[in-house]
Amino acid sequence: MIQDTNKFIKTCASCQFSKNQNGKKPGLLQSIPLTDTKPMSRLCFDYLGPLPTSKGKKYLIVATCNATEMAFAKAVTNADAAATIEFLFDIITTYGTPKYFVSDRGTHVKNTEVKNICEKIRNNSNIFD
């Protein structure tokens, strides 16, 4: 009888919509105050993907400047530290070094390679905590 009840509940649409959610509830989004008025003082970036491949590139790294809302994007093969560093260097060599980086603290950012680069360019990011 228990098996029949479980089978019924799993196939009942209204049961699925009304069931109790067990586990940790999602956190609330918190806004970041946009006090930066100088262009390129705070750069936010993240990866999109995996996407349908085009020439072997299945990820897109995107960055925006908080002050100007200027966007940067690059298609990359892997979402890893090497691609992150190359992308950031392309921006830094063209527009200068941002004072802060903002990221979701994914593994492509939260690693020793990216941390060492940020220390070398004296970036005040707290993306490694």
C-alpha atoms as a PDB file:
ATOM      1  CA  MET A   1       0.000   0.000   0.000  1.00  0.00           C
ATOM      2  CA  ILE A   2       2.881   2.373   0.770  1.00  0.00           C
ATOM      3  CA  GLN A   3       4.344   1.742  -2.684  1.00  0.00           C
ATOM      4  CA  ASP A   4       0.994   2.497  -4.325  1.00  0.00           C
ATOM      5  CA  THR A   5       0.684   5.735  -2.345  1.00  0.00           C
ATOM      6  CA  ASN A   6       4.216   6.837  -3.267  1.00  0.00           C
ATOM      7  CA  LYS A   7       3.601   6.016  -6.937  1.00  0.00           C
ATOM      8  CA  PHE A   8       0.362   8.018  -6.922  1.00  0.00           C
ATOM      9  CA  ILE A   9       2.025  11.041  -5.278  1.00  0.00           C
ATOM     10  CA  LYS A  10       4.910  11.005  -7.787  1.00  0.00           C
ATOM     11  CA  THR A  11       2.514  11.023 -10.751  1.00  0.00           C
ATOM     12  CA  CYS A  12      -0.049  13.491  -9.352  1.00  0.00           C
ATOM     13  CA  ALA A  13       0.582  16.998 -10.729  1.00  0.00           C
ATOM     14  CA  SER A  14      -1.280  18.835  -7.953  1.00  0.00           C
ATOM     15  CA  CYS A  15       0.654  16.816  -5.328  1.00  0.00           C
ATOM     16  CA  GLN A  16       3.943  17.891  -6.912  1.00  0.00           C
ATOM     17  CA  PHE A  17       2.985  21.578  -6.870  1.00  0.00           C
ATOM     18  CA  SER A  18       1.726  21.539  -3.294  1.00  0.00           C
ATOM     19  CA  LYS A  19       4.400  19.420  -1.652  1.00  0.00           C
ATOM     20  CA  ASN A  20       6.520  20.828   1.149  1.00  0.00           C
ATOM     21  CA  GLN A  21       9.993  21.910   0.166  1.00  0.00           C
ATOM     22  CA  ASN A  22      12.532  20.163   2.341  1.00  0.00           C
ATOM     23  CA  GLY A  23      16.038  21.482   2.696  1.00  0.00           C
ATOM     24  CA  LYS A  24      17.653  24.865   2.871  1.00  0.00           C
ATOM     25  CA  LYS A  25      15.627  27.767   1.501  1.00  0.00           C
ATOM     26  CA  PRO A  26      17.323  29.923  -1.131  1.00  0.00           C
ATOM     27  CA  GLY A  27      18.947  33.102   0.130  1.00  0.00           C
ATOM     28  CA  LEU A  28      17.703  36.552  -0.686  1.00  0.00           C
ATOM     29  CA  LEU A  29      19.503  38.564  -3.318  1.00  0.00           C
ATOM     30  CA  GLN A  30      21.306  41.547  -1.935  1.00  0.00           C
ATOM     31  CA  SER A  31      22.108  44.509  -4.094  1.00  0.00           C
ATOM     32  CA  ILE A  32      25.594  45.933  -4.329  1.00  0.00           C
ATOM     33  CA  PRO A  33      25.629  49.706  -3.854  1.00  0.00           C
ATOM     34  CA  LEU A  34      26.832  51.392  -7.020  1.00  0.00           C
ATOM     35  CA  THR A  35      28.947  54.140  -5.529  1.00  0.00           C
ATOM     36  CA  ASP A  36      31.574  53.945  -8.242  1.00  0.00           C
ATOM     37  CA  THR A  37      31.406  56.845 -10.647  1.00  0.00           C
ATOM     38  CA  LYS A  38      34.866  56.460 -12.167  1.00  0.00           C
ATOM     39  CA  PRO A  39      34.890  54.242 -15.267  1.00  0.00           C
ATOM     40  CA  MET A  40      36.492  50.826 -14.779  1.00  0.00           C
ATOM     41  CA  SER A  41      36.744  51.147 -10.996  1.00  0.00           C
ATOM     42  CA  ARG A  42      34.545  48.051 -10.467  1.00  0.00           C
ATOM     43  CA  LEU A  43      34.274  45.259 -13.025  1.00  0.00           C
ATOM     44  CA  CYS A  44      31.669  42.490 -12.654  1.00  0.00           C
ATOM     45  CA  PHE A  45      32.135  39.282 -14.610  1.00  0.00           C
ATOM     46  CA  ASP A  46      30.776  35.766 -14.962  1.00  0.00           C
ATOM     47  CA  TYR A  47      30.577  32.828 -17.338  1.00  0.00           C
ATOM     48  CA  LEU A  48      27.615  31.692 -19.436  1.00  0.00           C
ATOM     49  CA  GLY A  49      27.411  28.122 -20.603  1.00  0.00           C
ATOM     50  CA  PRO A  50      27.912  25.511 -21.648  1.00  0.00           C
ATOM     51  CA  LEU A  51      26.376  26.746 -24.879  1.00  0.00           C
ATOM     52  CA  PRO A  52      26.071  25.048 -28.274  1.00  0.00           C
ATOM     53  CA  THR A  53      29.625  24.930 -29.568  1.00  0.00           C
ATOM     54  CA  SER A  54      30.920  27.217 -32.230  1.00  0.00           C
ATOM     55  CA  LYS A  55      34.460  26.431 -33.344  1.00  0.00           C
ATOM     56  CA  GLY A  56      34.958  24.495 -30.102  1.00  0.00           C
ATOM     57  CA  LYS A  57      34.059  27.433 -27.878  1.00  0.00           C
ATOM     58  CA  LYS A  58      31.226  26.515 -25.551  1.00  0.00           C
ATOM     59  CA  TYR A  59      31.435  29.231 -22.877  1.00  0.00           C
ATOM     60  CA  LEU A  60      31.047  32.979 -22.926  1.00  0.00           C
ATOM     61  CA  ILE A  61      32.769  35.154 -20.355  1.00  0.00           C
ATOM     62  CA  VAL A  62      31.017  38.489 -19.879  1.00  0.00           C
ATOM     63  CA  ALA A  63      32.082  41.551 -17.883  1.00  0.00           C
ATOM     64  CA  THR A  64      30.453  44.919 -17.260  1.00  0.00           C
ATOM     65  CA  CYS A  65      31.722  48.149 -15.781  1.00  0.00           C
ATOM     66  CA  ASN A  66      29.456  49.284 -12.948  1.00  0.00           C
ATOM     67  CA  ALA A  67      29.897  53.000 -13.624  1.00  0.00           C
ATOM     68  CA  THR A  68      29.404  53.055 -17.396  1.00  0.00           C
ATOM     69  CA  GLU A  69      27.595  49.728 -17.956  1.00  0.00           C
ATOM     70  CA  MET A  70      30.048  49.042 -20.787  1.00  0.00           C
ATOM     71  CA  ALA A  71      30.011  45.327 -21.595  1.00  0.00           C
ATOM     72  CA  PHE A  72      32.814  43.011 -22.669  1.00  0.00           C
ATOM     73  CA  ALA A  73      32.386  39.438 -23.900  1.00  0.00           C
ATOM     74  CA  LYS A  74      34.580  36.676 -25.248  1.00  0.00           C
ATOM     75  CA  ALA A  75      33.835  33.138 -26.406  1.00  0.00           C
ATOM     76  CA  VAL A  76      36.173  30.616 -24.763  1.00  0.00           C
ATOM     77  CA  THR A  77      36.723  26.873 -24.898  1.00  0.00           C
ATOM     78  CA  ASN A  78      36.780  26.269 -21.137  1.00  0.00           C
ATOM     79  CA  ALA A  79      35.532  28.135 -18.068  1.00  0.00           C
ATOM     80  CA  ASP A  80      38.830  27.939 -16.229  1.00  0.00           C
ATOM     81  CA  ALA A  81      41.497  30.121 -14.644  1.00  0.00           C
ATOM     82  CA  ALA A  82      43.542  30.451 -17.844  1.00  0.00           C
ATOM     83  CA  ALA A  83      40.573  31.802 -19.819  1.00  0.00           C
ATOM     84  CA  THR A  84      39.649  34.140 -16.959  1.00  0.00           C
ATOM     85  CA  ILE A  85      43.170  35.557 -16.722  1.00  0.00           C
ATOM     86  CA  GLU A  86      43.457  36.030 -20.490  1.00  0.00           C
ATOM     87  CA  PHE A  87      40.081  37.800 -20.620  1.00  0.00           C
ATOM     88  CA  LEU A  88      40.928  40.113 -17.719  1.00  0.00           C
ATOM     89  CA  PHE A  89      44.343  40.933 -19.205  1.00  0.00           C
ATOM     90  CA  ASP A  90      42.687  41.887 -22.509  1.00  0.00           C
ATOM     91  CA  ILE A  91      40.530  44.383 -20.614  1.00  0.00           C
ATOM     92  CA  ILE A  92      43.345  45.621 -18.352  1.00  0.00           C
ATOM     93  CA  THR A  93      45.773  46.256 -21.217  1.00  0.00           C
ATOM     94  CA  THR A  94      43.158  48.244 -23.104  1.00  0.00           C
ATOM     95  CA  TYR A  95      41.299  50.138 -20.360  1.00  0.00           C
ATOM     96  CA  GLY A  96      43.480  49.960 -17.252  1.00  0.00           C
ATOM     97  CA  THR A  97      43.251  48.021 -14.011  1.00  0.00           C
ATOM     98  CA  PRO A  98      39.899  48.025 -12.203  1.00  0.00           C
ATOM     99  CA  LYS A  99      40.088  48.684  -8.481  1.00  0.00           C
ATOM    100  CA  TYR A 100      37.630  45.862  -7.745  1.00  0.00           C
ATOM    101  CA  PHE A 101      36.477  42.675  -9.427  1.00  0.00           C
ATOM    102  CA  VAL A 102      33.055  41.252  -8.598  1.00  0.00           C
ATOM    103  CA  SER A 103      32.315  37.611  -9.348  1.00  0.00           C
ATOM    104  CA  ASP A 104      30.211  34.689  -8.158  1.00  0.00           C
ATOM    105  CA  ARG A 105      33.337  33.088  -6.651  1.00  0.00           C
ATOM    106  CA  GLY A 106      33.238  30.111  -8.977  1.00  0.00           C
ATOM    107  CA  THR A 107      36.172  27.752  -9.384  1.00  0.00           C
ATOM    108  CA  HIS A 108      37.328  29.698 -12.447  1.00  0.00           C
ATOM    109  CA  VAL A 109      37.991  32.683 -10.165  1.00  0.00           C
ATOM    110  CA  LYS A 110      38.540  31.266  -6.712  1.00  0.00           C
ATOM    111  CA  ASN A 111      41.945  29.691  -7.282  1.00  0.00           C
ATOM    112  CA  THR A 112      45.577  30.532  -6.667  1.00  0.00           C
ATOM    113  CA  GLU A 113      46.355  31.567 -10.257  1.00  0.00           C
ATOM    114  CA  VAL A 114      43.742  34.324 -10.382  1.00  0.00           C
ATOM    115  CA  LYS A 115      44.491  35.321  -6.784  1.00  0.00           C
ATOM    116  CA  ASN A 116      48.199  35.739  -7.598  1.00  0.00           C
ATOM    117  CA  ILE A 117      47.401  37.893 -10.625  1.00  0.00           C
ATOM    118  CA  CYS A 118      45.114  40.128  -8.547  1.00  0.00           C
ATOM    119  CA  GLU A 119      47.847  40.522  -5.936  1.00  0.00           C
ATOM    120  CA  LYS A 120      50.397  41.433  -8.627  1.00  0.00           C
ATOM    121  CA  ILE A 121      48.164  44.128 -10.109  1.00  0.00           C
ATOM    122  CA  ARG A 122      47.195  45.315  -6.607  1.00  0.00           C
ATOM    123  CA  ASN A 123      43.511  44.664  -7.148  1.00  0.00           C
ATOM    124  CA  ASN A 124      41.419  45.002  -3.965  1.00  0.00           C
ATOM    125  CA  SER A 125      39.034  42.174  -4.813  1.00  0.00           C
ATOM    126  CA  ASN A 126      37.478  40.106  -2.087  1.00  0.00           C
ATOM    127  CA  ILE A 127      36.418  37.323  -4.430  1.00  0.00           C
ATOM    128  CA  PHE A 128      38.612  34.789  -2.653  1.00  0.00           C
ATOM    129  CA  ASP A 129      36.937  34.692   0.785  1.00  0.00           C
END
